[in-house]
Amino acid sequence: MGPYAPGFFAGSIFTAYVAGLLVQFDIARMESATQRQIDSLREQALHIRERFHRIQQEILLNQAS
């Protein structure tokens, strides 16, 4: 082994460590974005459901009249 082998070994370990941290950060960021999208869709679905029930009540009241 030459004189540069220990430096190369240490550098490759450090690079792998940093890459692992970046991958973990990216996964956490994607999960957060996905959760925000799920929450947004859930909120939109609740609004649509509420509108549907109001329209349904109006139709039922108009039919009863």
PDB file of N, CA and C in Angstrom:
ATOM      1  N   MET A   1       0.850  -1.175   0.000  1.00  0.00           N
ATOM      2  CA  MET A   1       0.000   0.000   0.000  1.00  0.00           C
ATOM      3  C   MET A   1       0.889   1.230   0.000  1.00  0.00           C
ATOM      4  N   GLY A   2       0.486   2.180  -0.787  1.00  0.00           N
ATOM      5  CA  GLY A   2       1.259   3.409  -0.893  1.00  0.00           C
ATOM      6  C   GLY A   2       0.937   4.367   0.236  1.00  0.00           C
ATOM      7  N   PRO A   3       1.589   5.508   0.225  1.00  0.00           N
ATOM      8  CA  PRO A   3       1.370   6.486   1.290  1.00  0.00           C
ATOM      9  C   PRO A   3      -0.012   7.146   1.230  1.00  0.00           C
ATOM     10  N   TYR A   4      -0.688   7.043   0.097  1.00  0.00           N
ATOM     11  CA  TYR A   4      -1.995   7.690  -0.033  1.00  0.00           C
ATOM     12  C   TYR A   4      -3.158   6.778   0.349  1.00  0.00           C
ATOM     13  N   ALA A   5      -2.915   5.525   0.570  1.00  0.00           N
ATOM     14  CA  ALA A   5      -3.979   4.562   0.853  1.00  0.00           C
ATOM     15  C   ALA A   5      -4.775   4.907   2.112  1.00  0.00           C
ATOM     16  N   PRO A   6      -4.122   5.253   3.239  1.00  0.00           N
ATOM     17  CA  PRO A   6      -4.929   5.597   4.427  1.00  0.00           C
ATOM     18  C   PRO A   6      -5.815   6.817   4.199  1.00  0.00           C
ATOM     19  N   GLY A   7      -5.303   7.813   3.490  1.00  0.00           N
ATOM     20  CA  GLY A   7      -6.110   9.001   3.198  1.00  0.00           C
ATOM     21  C   GLY A   7      -7.287   8.669   2.296  1.00  0.00           C
ATOM     22  N   PHE A   8      -7.035   7.836   1.309  1.00  0.00           N
ATOM     23  CA  PHE A   8      -8.111   7.415   0.412  1.00  0.00           C
ATOM     24  C   PHE A   8      -9.172   6.640   1.183  1.00  0.00           C
ATOM     25  N   PHE A   9      -8.736   5.773   2.077  1.00  0.00           N
ATOM     26  CA  PHE A   9      -9.661   4.973   2.879  1.00  0.00           C
ATOM     27  C   PHE A   9     -10.505   5.873   3.777  1.00  0.00           C
ATOM     28  N   ALA A  10      -9.856   6.818   4.466  1.00  0.00           N
ATOM     29  CA  ALA A  10     -10.585   7.734   5.352  1.00  0.00           C
ATOM     30  C   ALA A  10     -11.541   8.611   4.545  1.00  0.00           C
ATOM     31  N   GLY A  11     -11.101   9.079   3.396  1.00  0.00           N
ATOM     32  CA  GLY A  11     -11.956   9.915   2.558  1.00  0.00           C
ATOM     33  C   GLY A  11     -13.168   9.168   2.046  1.00  0.00           C
ATOM     34  N   SER A  12     -12.979   7.911   1.680  1.00  0.00           N
ATOM     35  CA  SER A  12     -14.118   7.137   1.182  1.00  0.00           C
ATOM     36  C   SER A  12     -15.113   6.843   2.297  1.00  0.00           C
ATOM     37  N   ILE A  13     -14.622   6.602   3.515  1.00  0.00           N
ATOM     38  CA  ILE A  13     -15.531   6.380   4.652  1.00  0.00           C
ATOM     39  C   ILE A  13     -16.319   7.654   4.939  1.00  0.00           C
ATOM     40  N   PHE A  14     -15.631   8.797   4.935  1.00  0.00           N
ATOM     41  CA  PHE A  14     -16.299  10.074   5.190  1.00  0.00           C
ATOM     42  C   PHE A  14     -17.343  10.356   4.108  1.00  0.00           C
ATOM     43  N   THR A  15     -17.005  10.100   2.864  1.00  0.00           N
ATOM     44  CA  THR A  15     -17.932  10.327   1.758  1.00  0.00           C
ATOM     45  C   THR A  15     -19.169   9.440   1.890  1.00  0.00           C
ATOM     46  N   ALA A  16     -18.978   8.191   2.252  1.00  0.00           N
ATOM     47  CA  ALA A  16     -20.112   7.283   2.439  1.00  0.00           C
ATOM     48  C   ALA A  16     -20.991   7.753   3.595  1.00  0.00           C
ATOM     49  N   TYR A  17     -20.378   8.258   4.663  1.00  0.00           N
ATOM     50  CA  TYR A  17     -21.121   8.760   5.821  1.00  0.00           C
ATOM     51  C   TYR A  17     -21.977   9.967   5.424  1.00  0.00           C
ATOM     52  N   VAL A  18     -21.372  10.915   4.714  1.00  0.00           N
ATOM     53  CA  VAL A  18     -22.106  12.116   4.297  1.00  0.00           C
ATOM     54  C   VAL A  18     -23.227  11.743   3.327  1.00  0.00           C
ATOM     55  N   ALA A  19     -22.961  10.825   2.416  1.00  0.00           N
ATOM     56  CA  ALA A  19     -24.000  10.387   1.482  1.00  0.00           C
ATOM     57  C   ALA A  19     -25.164   9.748   2.237  1.00  0.00           C
ATOM     58  N   GLY A  20     -24.871   8.960   3.258  1.00  0.00           N
ATOM     59  CA  GLY A  20     -25.921   8.354   4.078  1.00  0.00           C
ATOM     60  C   GLY A  20     -26.759   9.399   4.786  1.00  0.00           C
ATOM     61  N   LEU A  21     -26.103  10.433   5.324  1.00  0.00           N
ATOM     62  CA  LEU A  21     -26.844  11.509   5.986  1.00  0.00           C
ATOM     63  C   LEU A  21     -27.751  12.239   4.997  1.00  0.00           C
ATOM     64  N   LEU A  22     -27.229  12.505   3.811  1.00  0.00           N
ATOM     65  CA  LEU A  22     -28.034  13.200   2.807  1.00  0.00           C
ATOM     66  C   LEU A  22     -29.229  12.361   2.366  1.00  0.00           C
ATOM     67  N   VAL A  23     -29.042  11.073   2.240  1.00  0.00           N
ATOM     68  CA  VAL A  23     -30.155  10.190   1.866  1.00  0.00           C
ATOM     69  C   VAL A  23     -31.206  10.179   2.970  1.00  0.00           C
ATOM     70  N   GLN A  24     -30.777  10.114   4.230  1.00  0.00           N
ATOM     71  CA  GLN A  24     -31.733  10.141   5.341  1.00  0.00           C
ATOM     72  C   GLN A  24     -32.506  11.453   5.354  1.00  0.00           C
ATOM     73  N   PHE A  25     -31.807  12.570   5.131  1.00  0.00           N
ATOM     74  CA  PHE A  25     -32.460  13.874   5.100  1.00  0.00           C
ATOM     75  C   PHE A  25     -33.471  13.932   3.964  1.00  0.00           C
ATOM     76  N   ASP A  26     -33.105  13.423   2.796  1.00  0.00           N
ATOM     77  CA  ASP A  26     -33.996  13.448   1.642  1.00  0.00           C
ATOM     78  C   ASP A  26     -35.241  12.601   1.891  1.00  0.00           C
ATOM     79  N   ILE A  27     -35.070  11.442   2.497  1.00  0.00           N
ATOM     80  CA  ILE A  27     -36.215  10.571   2.807  1.00  0.00           C
ATOM     81  C   ILE A  27     -37.145  11.260   3.800  1.00  0.00           C
ATOM     82  N   ALA A  28     -36.574  11.892   4.835  1.00  0.00           N
ATOM     83  CA  ALA A  28     -37.397  12.593   5.824  1.00  0.00           C
ATOM     84  C   ALA A  28     -38.152  13.751   5.174  1.00  0.00           C
ATOM     85  N   ARG A  29     -37.501  14.460   4.265  1.00  0.00           N
ATOM     86  CA  ARG A  29     -38.139  15.584   3.577  1.00  0.00           C
ATOM     87  C   ARG A  29     -39.281  15.095   2.691  1.00  0.00           C
ATOM     88  N   MET A  30     -39.069  13.985   1.993  1.00  0.00           N
ATOM     89  CA  MET A  30     -40.120  13.437   1.132  1.00  0.00           C
ATOM     90  C   MET A  30     -41.302  12.951   1.962  1.00  0.00           C
ATOM     91  N   GLU A  31     -41.046  12.334   3.114  1.00  0.00           N
ATOM     92  CA  GLU A  31     -42.137  11.881   3.987  1.00  0.00           C
ATOM     93  C   GLU A  31     -42.942  13.067   4.488  1.00  0.00           C
ATOM     94  N   SER A  32     -42.251  14.158   4.822  1.00  0.00           N
ATOM     95  CA  SER A  32     -42.934  15.358   5.295  1.00  0.00           C
ATOM     96  C   SER A  32     -43.815  15.939   4.196  1.00  0.00           C
ATOM     97  N   ALA A  33     -43.285  16.002   2.977  1.00  0.00           N
ATOM     98  CA  ALA A  33     -44.069  16.521   1.850  1.00  0.00           C
ATOM     99  C   ALA A  33     -45.264  15.620   1.575  1.00  0.00           C
ATOM    100  N   THR A  34     -45.070  14.319   1.648  1.00  0.00           N
ATOM    101  CA  THR A  34     -46.163  13.380   1.414  1.00  0.00           C
ATOM    102  C   THR A  34     -47.244  13.554   2.476  1.00  0.00           C
ATOM    103  N   GLN A  35     -46.840  13.726   3.727  1.00  0.00           N
ATOM    104  CA  GLN A  35     -47.811  13.909   4.805  1.00  0.00           C
ATOM    105  C   GLN A  35     -48.596  15.201   4.609  1.00  0.00           C
ATOM    106  N   ARG A  36     -47.928  16.262   4.157  1.00  0.00           N
ATOM    107  CA  ARG A  36     -48.639  17.521   3.888  1.00  0.00           C
ATOM    108  C   ARG A  36     -49.652  17.333   2.768  1.00  0.00           C
ATOM    109  N   GLN A  37     -49.295  16.581   1.740  1.00  0.00           N
ATOM    110  CA  GLN A  37     -50.227  16.326   0.643  1.00  0.00           C
ATOM    111  C   GLN A  37     -51.417  15.508   1.124  1.00  0.00           C
ATOM    112  N   ILE A  38     -51.168  14.521   1.958  1.00  0.00           N
ATOM    113  CA  ILE A  38     -52.257  13.699   2.501  1.00  0.00           C
ATOM    114  C   ILE A  38     -53.191  14.559   3.337  1.00  0.00           C
ATOM    115  N   ASP A  39     -52.626  15.425   4.176  1.00  0.00           N
ATOM    116  CA  ASP A  39     -53.453  16.305   5.001  1.00  0.00           C
ATOM    117  C   ASP A  39     -54.285  17.249   4.136  1.00  0.00           C
ATOM    118  N   SER A  40     -53.677  17.768   3.073  1.00  0.00           N
ATOM    119  CA  SER A  40     -54.396  18.662   2.168  1.00  0.00           C
ATOM    120  C   SER A  40     -55.543  17.928   1.476  1.00  0.00           C
ATOM    121  N   LEU A  41     -55.285  16.726   1.000  1.00  0.00           N
ATOM    122  CA  LEU A  41     -56.343  15.942   0.351  1.00  0.00           C
ATOM    123  C   LEU A  41     -57.460  15.594   1.323  1.00  0.00           C
ATOM    124  N   ARG A  42     -57.093  15.285   2.560  1.00  0.00           N
ATOM    125  CA  ARG A  42     -58.106  14.959   3.574  1.00  0.00           C
ATOM    126  C   ARG A  42     -58.998  16.173   3.838  1.00  0.00           C
ATOM    127  N   GLU A  43     -58.387  17.350   3.918  1.00  0.00           N
ATOM    128  CA  GLU A  43     -59.152  18.568   4.154  1.00  0.00           C
ATOM    129  C   GLU A  43     -60.082  18.863   2.974  1.00  0.00           C
ATOM    130  N   GLN A  44     -59.587  18.690   1.762  1.00  0.00           N
ATOM    131  CA  GLN A  44     -60.424  18.909   0.579  1.00  0.00           C
ATOM    132  C   GLN A  44     -61.584  17.918   0.544  1.00  0.00           C
ATOM    133  N   ALA A  45     -61.321  16.677   0.905  1.00  0.00           N
ATOM    134  CA  ALA A  45     -62.383  15.665   0.920  1.00  0.00           C
ATOM    135  C   ALA A  45     -63.457  16.018   1.945  1.00  0.00           C
ATOM    136  N   LEU A  46     -63.052  16.542   3.097  1.00  0.00           N
ATOM    137  CA  LEU A  46     -64.033  16.943   4.106  1.00  0.00           C
ATOM    138  C   LEU A  46     -64.912  18.080   3.598  1.00  0.00           C
ATOM    139  N   HIS A  47     -64.314  19.046   2.890  1.00  0.00           N
ATOM    140  CA  HIS A  47     -65.103  20.145   2.330  1.00  0.00           C
ATOM    141  C   HIS A  47     -66.084  19.633   1.273  1.00  0.00           C
ATOM    142  N   ILE A  48     -65.626  18.737   0.429  1.00  0.00           N
ATOM    143  CA  ILE A  48     -66.504  18.178  -0.606  1.00  0.00           C
ATOM    144  C   ILE A  48     -67.648  17.401   0.035  1.00  0.00           C
ATOM    145  N   ARG A  49     -67.336  16.636   1.055  1.00  0.00           N
ATOM    146  CA  ARG A  49     -68.367  15.854   1.747  1.00  0.00           C
ATOM    147  C   ARG A  49     -69.398  16.768   2.405  1.00  0.00           C
ATOM    148  N   GLU A  50     -68.903  17.851   3.021  1.00  0.00           N
ATOM    149  CA  GLU A  50     -69.807  18.804   3.663  1.00  0.00           C
ATOM    150  C   GLU A  50     -70.737  19.447   2.628  1.00  0.00           C
ATOM    151  N   ARG A  51     -70.193  19.847   1.490  1.00  0.00           N
ATOM    152  CA  ARG A  51     -71.021  20.428   0.427  1.00  0.00           C
ATOM    153  C   ARG A  51     -72.055  19.419  -0.075  1.00  0.00           C
ATOM    154  N   PHE A  52     -71.620  18.183  -0.240  1.00  0.00           N
ATOM    155  CA  PHE A  52     -72.539  17.143  -0.705  1.00  0.00           C
ATOM    156  C   PHE A  52     -73.706  16.987   0.261  1.00  0.00           C
ATOM    157  N   HIS A  53     -73.418  16.963   1.561  1.00  0.00           N
ATOM    158  CA  HIS A  53     -74.490  16.790   2.544  1.00  0.00           C
ATOM    159  C   HIS A  53     -75.442  17.991   2.538  1.00  0.00           C
ATOM    160  N   ARG A  54     -74.903  19.199   2.360  1.00  0.00           N
ATOM    161  CA  ARG A  54     -75.776  20.370   2.290  1.00  0.00           C
ATOM    162  C   ARG A  54     -76.689  20.309   1.066  1.00  0.00           C
ATOM    163  N   ILE A  55     -76.117  19.930  -0.075  1.00  0.00           N
ATOM    164  CA  ILE A  55     -76.919  19.819  -1.295  1.00  0.00           C
ATOM    165  C   ILE A  55     -77.962  18.718  -1.141  1.00  0.00           C
ATOM    166  N   GLN A  56     -77.567  17.607  -0.542  1.00  0.00           N
ATOM    167  CA  GLN A  56     -78.498  16.499  -0.326  1.00  0.00           C
ATOM    168  C   GLN A  56     -79.655  16.943   0.566  1.00  0.00           C
ATOM    169  N   GLN A  57     -79.355  17.692   1.621  1.00  0.00           N
ATOM    170  CA  GLN A  57     -80.419  18.179   2.514  1.00  0.00           C
ATOM    171  C   GLN A  57     -81.362  19.123   1.769  1.00  0.00           C
ATOM    172  N   GLU A  58     -80.796  20.000   0.933  1.00  0.00           N
ATOM    173  CA  GLU A  58     -81.636  20.917   0.161  1.00  0.00           C
ATOM    174  C   GLU A  58     -82.552  20.149  -0.785  1.00  0.00           C
ATOM    175  N   ILE A  59     -82.029  19.131  -1.429  1.00  0.00           N
ATOM    176  CA  ILE A  59     -82.848  18.326  -2.346  1.00  0.00           C
ATOM    177  C   ILE A  59     -83.963  17.622  -1.581  1.00  0.00           C
ATOM    178  N   LEU A  60     -83.628  17.050  -0.431  1.00  0.00           N
ATOM    179  CA  LEU A  60     -84.646  16.356   0.364  1.00  0.00           C
ATOM    180  C   LEU A  60     -85.711  17.320   0.872  1.00  0.00           C
ATOM    181  N   LEU A  61     -85.307  18.530   1.265  1.00  0.00           N
ATOM    182  CA  LEU A  61     -86.284  19.513   1.729  1.00  0.00           C
ATOM    183  C   LEU A  61     -87.177  19.979   0.588  1.00  0.00           C
ATOM    184  N   ASN A  62     -86.601  20.146  -0.595  1.00  0.00           N
ATOM    185  CA  ASN A  62     -87.404  20.577  -1.749  1.00  0.00           C
ATOM    186  C   ASN A  62     -88.370  19.486  -2.191  1.00  0.00           C
ATOM    187  N   GLN A  63     -87.978  18.227  -2.067  1.00  0.00           N
ATOM    188  CA  GLN A  63     -88.872  17.134  -2.437  1.00  0.00           C
ATOM    189  C   GLN A  63     -90.023  17.013  -1.446  1.00  0.00           C
ATOM    190  N   ALA A  64     -89.754  17.307  -0.183  1.00  0.00           N
ATOM    191  CA  ALA A  64     -90.787  17.198   0.843  1.00  0.00           C
ATOM    192  C   ALA A  64     -91.810  18.322   0.711  1.00  0.00           C
ATOM    193  N   SER A  65     -91.419  19.431   0.130  1.00  0.00           N
ATOM    194  CA  SER A  65     -92.341  20.576   0.006  1.00  0.00           C
ATOM    195  C   SER A  65     -93.365  20.387  -1.070  1.00  0.00           C
TER     196      SER A  65
END
